[in-house]
Amino acid sequence: MSDIAAPGQLTETTKDKLRQTVARIERLEEERAEIANQVKEVYAEAKAIGYNTKALRQVIRIRKTDRAEREEQEAFLDLYLLALGEI
């Protein structure tokens, strides 16, 4: 703990920068929570329309993955399921 300065050793500039950093993190956390609520609402709307939200979440996850990486994962999945007698 010798690397941590005592509160009395911090300059006003350092304290201000710390306050700004904490405020920025808190603001971003609030924005993230709001976005998460909006995503939740969109999934609820999709469910009300009749979409399968579990499949929709999987589509979103798949679209985030690089095509080559996704194809490699699918190949391994098929191989493992075949080895287990599932397909």
PDB file of N, CA and C in Angstrom:
ATOM      1  N   MET A   1       0.814  -1.193   0.000  1.00  0.00           N
ATOM      2  CA  MET A   1       0.000   0.000   0.000  1.00  0.00           C
ATOM      3  C   MET A   1       0.858   1.258   0.000  1.00  0.00           C
ATOM      4  N   SER A   2       2.150   1.116  -0.124  1.00  0.00           N
ATOM      5  CA  SER A   2       3.028   2.278  -0.117  1.00  0.00           C
ATOM      6  C   SER A   2       2.863   3.127  -1.369  1.00  0.00           C
ATOM      7  N   ASP A   3       2.266   2.580  -2.436  1.00  0.00           N
ATOM      8  CA  ASP A   3       2.057   3.327  -3.672  1.00  0.00           C
ATOM      9  C   ASP A   3       0.866   4.276  -3.587  1.00  0.00           C
ATOM     10  N   ILE A   4       0.027   4.116  -2.572  1.00  0.00           N
ATOM     11  CA  ILE A   4      -1.172   4.928  -2.439  1.00  0.00           C
ATOM     12  C   ILE A   4      -0.849   6.153  -1.591  1.00  0.00           C
ATOM     13  N   ALA A   5      -1.153   7.316  -2.129  1.00  0.00           N
ATOM     14  CA  ALA A   5      -0.890   8.550  -1.408  1.00  0.00           C
ATOM     15  C   ALA A   5      -1.966   8.784  -0.355  1.00  0.00           C
ATOM     16  N   ALA A   6      -1.573   9.382   0.737  1.00  0.00           N
ATOM     17  CA  ALA A   6      -2.530   9.754   1.773  1.00  0.00           C
ATOM     18  C   ALA A   6      -3.372  10.905   1.249  1.00  0.00           C
ATOM     19  N   PRO A   7      -4.635  11.016   1.696  1.00  0.00           N
ATOM     20  CA  PRO A   7      -5.507  12.074   1.191  1.00  0.00           C
ATOM     21  C   PRO A   7      -4.890  13.470   1.302  1.00  0.00           C
ATOM     22  N   GLY A   8      -4.130  13.727   2.325  1.00  0.00           N
ATOM     23  CA  GLY A   8      -3.510  15.035   2.509  1.00  0.00           C
ATOM     24  C   GLY A   8      -2.412  15.315   1.501  1.00  0.00           C
ATOM     25  N   GLN A   9      -1.914  14.270   0.858  1.00  0.00           N
ATOM     26  CA  GLN A   9      -0.824  14.430  -0.095  1.00  0.00           C
ATOM     27  C   GLN A   9      -1.327  14.719  -1.513  1.00  0.00           C
ATOM     28  N   LEU A  10      -2.605  14.577  -1.749  1.00  0.00           N
ATOM     29  CA  LEU A  10      -3.154  14.817  -3.086  1.00  0.00           C
ATOM     30  C   LEU A  10      -3.314  16.315  -3.304  1.00  0.00           C
ATOM     31  N   THR A  11      -2.912  16.765  -4.467  1.00  0.00           N
ATOM     32  CA  THR A  11      -3.087  18.177  -4.800  1.00  0.00           C
ATOM     33  C   THR A  11      -4.546  18.418  -5.159  1.00  0.00           C
ATOM     34  N   GLU A  12      -4.945  19.669  -5.171  1.00  0.00           N
ATOM     35  CA  GLU A  12      -6.320  20.000  -5.554  1.00  0.00           C
ATOM     36  C   GLU A  12      -6.592  19.583  -6.992  1.00  0.00           C
ATOM     37  N   THR A  13      -5.602  19.713  -7.846  1.00  0.00           N
ATOM     38  CA  THR A  13      -5.751  19.299  -9.241  1.00  0.00           C
ATOM     39  C   THR A  13      -5.999  17.799  -9.322  1.00  0.00           C
ATOM     40  N   THR A  14      -5.250  17.033  -8.539  1.00  0.00           N
ATOM     41  CA  THR A  14      -5.419  15.580  -8.528  1.00  0.00           C
ATOM     42  C   THR A  14      -6.782  15.201  -7.974  1.00  0.00           C
ATOM     43  N   LYS A  15      -7.208  15.876  -6.926  1.00  0.00           N
ATOM     44  CA  LYS A  15      -8.529  15.606  -6.338  1.00  0.00           C
ATOM     45  C   LYS A  15      -9.633  15.920  -7.341  1.00  0.00           C
ATOM     46  N   ASP A  16      -9.494  17.063  -8.054  1.00  0.00           N
ATOM     47  CA  ASP A  16     -10.493  17.432  -9.067  1.00  0.00           C
ATOM     48  C   ASP A  16     -10.548  16.397 -10.181  1.00  0.00           C
ATOM     49  N   LYS A  17      -9.378  15.959 -10.618  1.00  0.00           N
ATOM     50  CA  LYS A  17      -9.325  14.942 -11.679  1.00  0.00           C
ATOM     51  C   LYS A  17      -9.988  13.647 -11.209  1.00  0.00           C
ATOM     52  N   LEU A  18      -9.757  13.278  -9.960  1.00  0.00           N
ATOM     53  CA  LEU A  18     -10.379  12.079  -9.390  1.00  0.00           C
ATOM     54  C   LEU A  18     -11.892  12.232  -9.353  1.00  0.00           C
ATOM     55  N   ARG A  19     -12.378  13.387  -8.906  1.00  0.00           N
ATOM     56  CA  ARG A  19     -13.824  13.636  -8.866  1.00  0.00           C
ATOM     57  C   ARG A  19     -14.429  13.539 -10.265  1.00  0.00           C
ATOM     58  N   GLN A  20     -13.751  14.138 -11.244  1.00  0.00           N
ATOM     59  CA  GLN A  20     -14.232  14.100 -12.623  1.00  0.00           C
ATOM     60  C   GLN A  20     -14.271  12.671 -13.157  1.00  0.00           C
ATOM     61  N   THR A  21     -13.239  11.899 -12.833  1.00  0.00           N
ATOM     62  CA  THR A  21     -13.176  10.510 -13.287  1.00  0.00           C
ATOM     63  C   THR A  21     -14.308   9.697 -12.683  1.00  0.00           C
ATOM     64  N   VAL A  22     -14.532   9.857 -11.386  1.00  0.00           N
ATOM     65  CA  VAL A  22     -15.615   9.128 -10.712  1.00  0.00           C
ATOM     66  C   VAL A  22     -16.966   9.541 -11.286  1.00  0.00           C
ATOM     67  N   ALA A  23     -17.171  10.841 -11.492  1.00  0.00           N
ATOM     68  CA  ALA A  23     -18.438  11.319 -12.046  1.00  0.00           C
ATOM     69  C   ALA A  23     -18.657  10.765 -13.448  1.00  0.00           C
ATOM     70  N   ARG A  24     -17.613  10.717 -14.234  1.00  0.00           N
ATOM     71  CA  ARG A  24     -17.727  10.183 -15.603  1.00  0.00           C
ATOM     72  C   ARG A  24     -18.104   8.704 -15.581  1.00  0.00           C
ATOM     73  N   ILE A  25     -17.453   7.934 -14.706  1.00  0.00           N
ATOM     74  CA  ILE A  25     -17.765   6.501 -14.593  1.00  0.00           C
ATOM     75  C   ILE A  25     -19.210   6.323 -14.157  1.00  0.00           C
ATOM     76  N   GLU A  26     -19.640   7.101 -13.172  1.00  0.00           N
ATOM     77  CA  GLU A  26     -21.025   6.990 -12.702  1.00  0.00           C
ATOM     78  C   GLU A  26     -22.016   7.329 -13.817  1.00  0.00           C
ATOM     79  N   ARG A  27     -21.717   8.356 -14.602  1.00  0.00           N
ATOM     80  CA  ARG A  27     -22.597   8.744 -15.707  1.00  0.00           C
ATOM     81  C   ARG A  27     -22.677   7.629 -16.752  1.00  0.00           C
ATOM     82  N   LEU A  28     -21.523   7.036 -17.061  1.00  0.00           N
ATOM     83  CA  LEU A  28     -21.508   5.942 -18.034  1.00  0.00           C
ATOM     84  C   LEU A  28     -22.256   4.720 -17.515  1.00  0.00           C
ATOM     85  N   GLU A  29     -22.129   4.445 -16.216  1.00  0.00           N
ATOM     86  CA  GLU A  29     -22.874   3.323 -15.616  1.00  0.00           C
ATOM     87  C   GLU A  29     -24.379   3.563 -15.722  1.00  0.00           C
ATOM     88  N   GLU A  30     -24.811   4.808 -15.506  1.00  0.00           N
ATOM     89  CA  GLU A  30     -26.229   5.140 -15.644  1.00  0.00           C
ATOM     90  C   GLU A  30     -26.697   4.956 -17.087  1.00  0.00           C
ATOM     91  N   GLU A  31     -25.856   5.388 -18.037  1.00  0.00           N
ATOM     92  CA  GLU A  31     -26.199   5.234 -19.453  1.00  0.00           C
ATOM     93  C   GLU A  31     -26.288   3.760 -19.825  1.00  0.00           C
ATOM     94  N   ARG A  32     -25.359   2.957 -19.286  1.00  0.00           N
ATOM     95  CA  ARG A  32     -25.376   1.521 -19.581  1.00  0.00           C
ATOM     96  C   ARG A  32     -26.660   0.883 -19.050  1.00  0.00           C
ATOM     97  N   ALA A  33     -27.076   1.290 -17.847  1.00  0.00           N
ATOM     98  CA  ALA A  33     -28.313   0.748 -17.272  1.00  0.00           C
ATOM     99  C   ALA A  33     -29.518   1.148 -18.120  1.00  0.00           C
ATOM    100  N   GLU A  34     -29.534   2.386 -18.593  1.00  0.00           N
ATOM    101  CA  GLU A  34     -30.637   2.850 -19.432  1.00  0.00           C
ATOM    102  C   GLU A  34     -30.676   2.082 -20.752  1.00  0.00           C
ATOM    103  N   ILE A  35     -29.520   1.860 -21.352  1.00  0.00           N
ATOM    104  CA  ILE A  35     -29.457   1.098 -22.600  1.00  0.00           C
ATOM    105  C   ILE A  35     -29.915  -0.337 -22.369  1.00  0.00           C
ATOM    106  N   ALA A  36     -29.502  -0.923 -21.247  1.00  0.00           N
ATOM    107  CA  ALA A  36     -29.927  -2.289 -20.935  1.00  0.00           C
ATOM    108  C   ALA A  36     -31.450  -2.353 -20.805  1.00  0.00           C
ATOM    109  N   ASN A  37     -32.042  -1.339 -20.199  1.00  0.00           N
ATOM    110  CA  ASN A  37     -33.507  -1.296 -20.096  1.00  0.00           C
ATOM    111  C   ASN A  37     -34.155  -1.172 -21.462  1.00  0.00           C
ATOM    112  N   GLN A  38     -33.561  -0.377 -22.340  1.00  0.00           N
ATOM    113  CA  GLN A  38     -34.103  -0.223 -23.688  1.00  0.00           C
ATOM    114  C   GLN A  38     -34.022  -1.530 -24.470  1.00  0.00           C
ATOM    115  N   VAL A  39     -32.915  -2.235 -24.334  1.00  0.00           N
ATOM    116  CA  VAL A  39     -32.769  -3.535 -25.005  1.00  0.00           C
ATOM    117  C   VAL A  39     -33.820  -4.506 -24.473  1.00  0.00           C
ATOM    118  N   LYS A  40     -34.015  -4.503 -23.164  1.00  0.00           N
ATOM    119  CA  LYS A  40     -35.026  -5.364 -22.546  1.00  0.00           C
ATOM    120  C   LYS A  40     -36.415  -5.059 -23.103  1.00  0.00           C
ATOM    121  N   GLU A  41     -36.714  -3.773 -23.282  1.00  0.00           N
ATOM    122  CA  GLU A  41     -38.005  -3.377 -23.836  1.00  0.00           C
ATOM    123  C   GLU A  41     -38.165  -3.849 -25.281  1.00  0.00           C
ATOM    124  N   VAL A  42     -37.102  -3.772 -26.060  1.00  0.00           N
ATOM    125  CA  VAL A  42     -37.169  -4.222 -27.461  1.00  0.00           C
ATOM    126  C   VAL A  42     -37.422  -5.724 -27.512  1.00  0.00           C
ATOM    127  N   TYR A  43     -36.758  -6.480 -26.642  1.00  0.00           N
ATOM    128  CA  TYR A  43     -37.014  -7.921 -26.596  1.00  0.00           C
ATOM    129  C   TYR A  43     -38.463  -8.202 -26.185  1.00  0.00           C
ATOM    130  N   ALA A  44     -38.992  -7.413 -25.258  1.00  0.00           N
ATOM    131  CA  ALA A  44     -40.393  -7.586 -24.851  1.00  0.00           C
ATOM    132  C   ALA A  44     -41.325  -7.290 -26.023  1.00  0.00           C
ATOM    133  N   GLU A  45     -41.018  -6.254 -26.790  1.00  0.00           N
ATOM    134  CA  GLU A  45     -41.822  -5.938 -27.976  1.00  0.00           C
ATOM    135  C   GLU A  45     -41.741  -7.075 -28.993  1.00  0.00           C
ATOM    136  N   ALA A  46     -40.537  -7.598 -29.185  1.00  0.00           N
ATOM    137  CA  ALA A  46     -40.354  -8.702 -30.138  1.00  0.00           C
ATOM    138  C   ALA A  46     -41.161  -9.913 -29.700  1.00  0.00           C
ATOM    139  N   LYS A  47     -41.167 -10.178 -28.397  1.00  0.00           N
ATOM    140  CA  LYS A  47     -41.938 -11.316 -27.869  1.00  0.00           C
ATOM    141  C   LYS A  47     -43.434 -11.083 -28.091  1.00  0.00           C
ATOM    142  N   ALA A  48     -43.880  -9.845 -27.883  1.00  0.00           N
ATOM    143  CA  ALA A  48     -45.300  -9.523 -28.081  1.00  0.00           C
ATOM    144  C   ALA A  48     -45.713  -9.701 -29.537  1.00  0.00           C
ATOM    145  N   ILE A  49     -44.784  -9.447 -30.454  1.00  0.00           N
ATOM    146  CA  ILE A  49     -45.062  -9.636 -31.880  1.00  0.00           C
ATOM    147  C   ILE A  49     -45.151 -11.119 -32.219  1.00  0.00           C
ATOM    148  N   GLY A  50     -44.469 -11.936 -31.411  1.00  0.00           N
ATOM    149  CA  GLY A  50     -44.501 -13.373 -31.659  1.00  0.00           C
ATOM    150  C   GLY A  50     -43.140 -13.968 -31.971  1.00  0.00           C
ATOM    151  N   TYR A  51     -42.090 -13.161 -31.905  1.00  0.00           N
ATOM    152  CA  TYR A  51     -40.746 -13.689 -32.148  1.00  0.00           C
ATOM    153  C   TYR A  51     -40.269 -14.510 -30.957  1.00  0.00           C
ATOM    154  N   ASN A  52     -39.479 -15.514 -31.243  1.00  0.00           N
ATOM    155  CA  ASN A  52     -38.852 -16.329 -30.210  1.00  0.00           C
ATOM    156  C   ASN A  52     -37.621 -15.569 -29.734  1.00  0.00           C
ATOM    157  N   THR A  53     -37.689 -15.034 -28.526  1.00  0.00           N
ATOM    158  CA  THR A  53     -36.607 -14.171 -28.055  1.00  0.00           C
ATOM    159  C   THR A  53     -35.315 -14.945 -27.781  1.00  0.00           C
ATOM    160  N   LYS A  54     -35.431 -16.207 -27.442  1.00  0.00           N
ATOM    161  CA  LYS A  54     -34.230 -17.013 -27.239  1.00  0.00           C
ATOM    162  C   LYS A  54     -33.461 -17.148 -28.556  1.00  0.00           C
ATOM    163  N   ALA A  55     -34.185 -17.416 -29.626  1.00  0.00           N
ATOM    164  CA  ALA A  55     -33.560 -17.517 -30.945  1.00  0.00           C
ATOM    165  C   ALA A  55     -33.045 -16.148 -31.394  1.00  0.00           C
ATOM    166  N   LEU A  56     -33.783 -15.102 -31.089  1.00  0.00           N
ATOM    167  CA  LEU A  56     -33.373 -13.755 -31.446  1.00  0.00           C
ATOM    168  C   LEU A  56     -32.063 -13.374 -30.756  1.00  0.00           C
ATOM    169  N   ARG A  57     -31.932 -13.732 -29.486  1.00  0.00           N
ATOM    170  CA  ARG A  57     -30.686 -13.474 -28.754  1.00  0.00           C
ATOM    171  C   ARG A  57     -29.521 -14.237 -29.386  1.00  0.00           C
ATOM    172  N   GLN A  58     -29.796 -15.451 -29.817  1.00  0.00           N
ATOM    173  CA  GLN A  58     -28.752 -16.249 -30.459  1.00  0.00           C
ATOM    174  C   GLN A  58     -28.343 -15.621 -31.796  1.00  0.00           C
ATOM    175  N   VAL A  59     -29.308 -15.116 -32.548  1.00  0.00           N
ATOM    176  CA  VAL A  59     -28.998 -14.445 -33.811  1.00  0.00           C
ATOM    177  C   VAL A  59     -28.101 -13.238 -33.551  1.00  0.00           C
ATOM    178  N   ILE A  60     -28.419 -12.453 -32.531  1.00  0.00           N
ATOM    179  CA  ILE A  60     -27.617 -11.272 -32.185  1.00  0.00           C
ATOM    180  C   ILE A  60     -26.197 -11.698 -31.809  1.00  0.00           C
ATOM    181  N   ARG A  61     -26.081 -12.740 -31.009  1.00  0.00           N
ATOM    182  CA  ARG A  61     -24.762 -13.237 -30.591  1.00  0.00           C
ATOM    183  C   ARG A  61     -23.964 -13.723 -31.796  1.00  0.00           C
ATOM    184  N   ILE A  62     -24.620 -14.449 -32.683  1.00  0.00           N
ATOM    185  CA  ILE A  62     -23.947 -14.989 -33.877  1.00  0.00           C
ATOM    186  C   ILE A  62     -23.472 -13.862 -34.782  1.00  0.00           C
ATOM    187  N   ARG A  63     -24.294 -12.833 -34.954  1.00  0.00           N
ATOM    188  CA  ARG A  63     -23.930 -11.728 -35.846  1.00  0.00           C
ATOM    189  C   ARG A  63     -22.730 -10.930 -35.325  1.00  0.00           C
ATOM    190  N   LYS A  64     -22.457 -11.021 -34.030  1.00  0.00           N
ATOM    191  CA  LYS A  64     -21.290 -10.341 -33.451  1.00  0.00           C
ATOM    192  C   LYS A  64     -19.996 -11.086 -33.753  1.00  0.00           C
ATOM    193  N   THR A  65     -20.112 -12.352 -34.108  1.00  0.00           N
ATOM    194  CA  THR A  65     -18.947 -13.210 -34.327  1.00  0.00           C
ATOM    195  C   THR A  65     -18.482 -13.121 -35.775  1.00  0.00           C
ATOM    196  N   ASP A  66     -17.174 -13.099 -35.965  1.00  0.00           N
ATOM    197  CA  ASP A  66     -16.585 -13.124 -37.296  1.00  0.00           C
ATOM    198  C   ASP A  66     -17.023 -14.388 -38.019  1.00  0.00           C
ATOM    199  N   ARG A  67     -17.316 -14.274 -39.305  1.00  0.00           N
ATOM    200  CA  ARG A  67     -17.845 -15.405 -40.076  1.00  0.00           C
ATOM    201  C   ARG A  67     -16.916 -16.623 -40.011  1.00  0.00           C
ATOM    202  N   ALA A  68     -15.627 -16.428 -40.211  1.00  0.00           N
ATOM    203  CA  ALA A  68     -14.680 -17.552 -40.201  1.00  0.00           C
ATOM    204  C   ALA A  68     -14.641 -18.216 -38.826  1.00  0.00           C
ATOM    205  N   GLU A  69     -14.648 -17.396 -37.788  1.00  0.00           N
ATOM    206  CA  GLU A  69     -14.646 -17.940 -36.426  1.00  0.00           C
ATOM    207  C   GLU A  69     -15.937 -18.702 -36.150  1.00  0.00           C
ATOM    208  N   ARG A  70     -17.052 -18.142 -36.612  1.00  0.00           N
ATOM    209  CA  ARG A  70     -18.355 -18.794 -36.424  1.00  0.00           C
ATOM    210  C   ARG A  70     -18.398 -20.136 -37.142  1.00  0.00           C
ATOM    211  N   GLU A  71     -17.892 -20.180 -38.376  1.00  0.00           N
ATOM    212  CA  GLU A  71     -17.884 -21.438 -39.133  1.00  0.00           C
ATOM    213  C   GLU A  71     -17.009 -22.481 -38.448  1.00  0.00           C
ATOM    214  N   GLU A  72     -15.890 -22.032 -37.885  1.00  0.00           N
ATOM    215  CA  GLU A  72     -15.022 -22.963 -37.165  1.00  0.00           C
ATOM    216  C   GLU A  72     -15.728 -23.511 -35.922  1.00  0.00           C
ATOM    217  N   GLN A  73     -16.410 -22.636 -35.176  1.00  0.00           N
ATOM    218  CA  GLN A  73     -17.150 -23.074 -33.997  1.00  0.00           C
ATOM    219  C   GLN A  73     -18.261 -24.050 -34.372  1.00  0.00           C
ATOM    220  N   GLU A  74     -18.967 -23.752 -35.459  1.00  0.00           N
ATOM    221  CA  GLU A  74     -20.045 -24.635 -35.912  1.00  0.00           C
ATOM    222  C   GLU A  74     -19.497 -25.994 -36.338  1.00  0.00           C
ATOM    223  N   ALA A  75     -18.318 -26.010 -36.971  1.00  0.00           N
ATOM    224  CA  ALA A  75     -17.706 -27.271 -37.389  1.00  0.00           C
ATOM    225  C   ALA A  75     -17.366 -28.123 -36.169  1.00  0.00           C
ATOM    226  N   PHE A  76     -16.804 -27.495 -35.150  1.00  0.00           N
ATOM    227  CA  PHE A  76     -16.496 -28.233 -33.928  1.00  0.00           C
ATOM    228  C   PHE A  76     -17.771 -28.721 -33.250  1.00  0.00           C
ATOM    229  N   LEU A  77     -18.788 -27.882 -33.218  1.00  0.00           N
ATOM    230  CA  LEU A  77     -20.057 -28.273 -32.621  1.00  0.00           C
ATOM    231  C   LEU A  77     -20.637 -29.489 -33.336  1.00  0.00           C
ATOM    232  N   ASP A  78     -20.653 -29.445 -34.664  1.00  0.00           N
ATOM    233  CA  ASP A  78     -21.146 -30.585 -35.439  1.00  0.00           C
ATOM    234  C   ASP A  78     -20.321 -31.839 -35.165  1.00  0.00           C
ATOM    235  N   LEU A  79     -19.001 -31.686 -35.119  1.00  0.00           N
ATOM    236  CA  LEU A  79     -18.117 -32.818 -34.848  1.00  0.00           C
ATOM    237  C   LEU A  79     -18.409 -33.434 -33.491  1.00  0.00           C
ATOM    238  N   TYR A  80     -18.531 -32.591 -32.477  1.00  0.00           N
ATOM    239  CA  TYR A  80     -18.797 -33.096 -31.117  1.00  0.00           C
ATOM    240  C   TYR A  80     -20.168 -33.756 -31.020  1.00  0.00           C
ATOM    241  N   LEU A  81     -21.191 -33.122 -31.621  1.00  0.00           N
ATOM    242  CA  LEU A  81     -22.528 -33.714 -31.580  1.00  0.00           C
ATOM    243  C   LEU A  81     -22.558 -35.036 -32.328  1.00  0.00           C
ATOM    244  N   LEU A  82     -21.856 -35.127 -33.445  1.00  0.00           N
ATOM    245  CA  LEU A  82     -21.772 -36.383 -34.205  1.00  0.00           C
ATOM    246  C   LEU A  82     -21.090 -37.455 -33.373  1.00  0.00           C
ATOM    247  N   ALA A  83     -19.995 -37.091 -32.697  1.00  0.00           N
ATOM    248  CA  ALA A  83     -19.270 -38.039 -31.862  1.00  0.00           C
ATOM    249  C   ALA A  83     -20.107 -38.550 -30.711  1.00  0.00           C
ATOM    250  N   LEU A  84     -21.024 -37.720 -30.226  1.00  0.00           N
ATOM    251  CA  LEU A  84     -21.899 -38.100 -29.130  1.00  0.00           C
ATOM    252  C   LEU A  84     -23.172 -38.787 -29.594  1.00  0.00           C
ATOM    253  N   GLY A  85     -23.330 -38.912 -30.903  1.00  0.00           N
ATOM    254  CA  GLY A  85     -24.506 -39.562 -31.451  1.00  0.00           C
ATOM    255  C   GLY A  85     -25.755 -38.695 -31.408  1.00  0.00           C
ATOM    256  N   GLU A  86     -25.566 -37.398 -31.293  1.00  0.00           N
ATOM    257  CA  GLU A  86     -26.715 -36.474 -31.210  1.00  0.00           C
ATOM    258  C   GLU A  86     -27.229 -36.087 -32.578  1.00  0.00           C
ATOM    259  N   ILE A  87     -26.389 -36.230 -33.620  1.00  0.00           N
ATOM    260  CA  ILE A  87     -26.854 -35.909 -34.982  1.00  0.00           C
ATOM    261  C   ILE A  87     -26.434 -37.033 -35.907  1.00  0.00           C
TER     262      ILE A  87
END
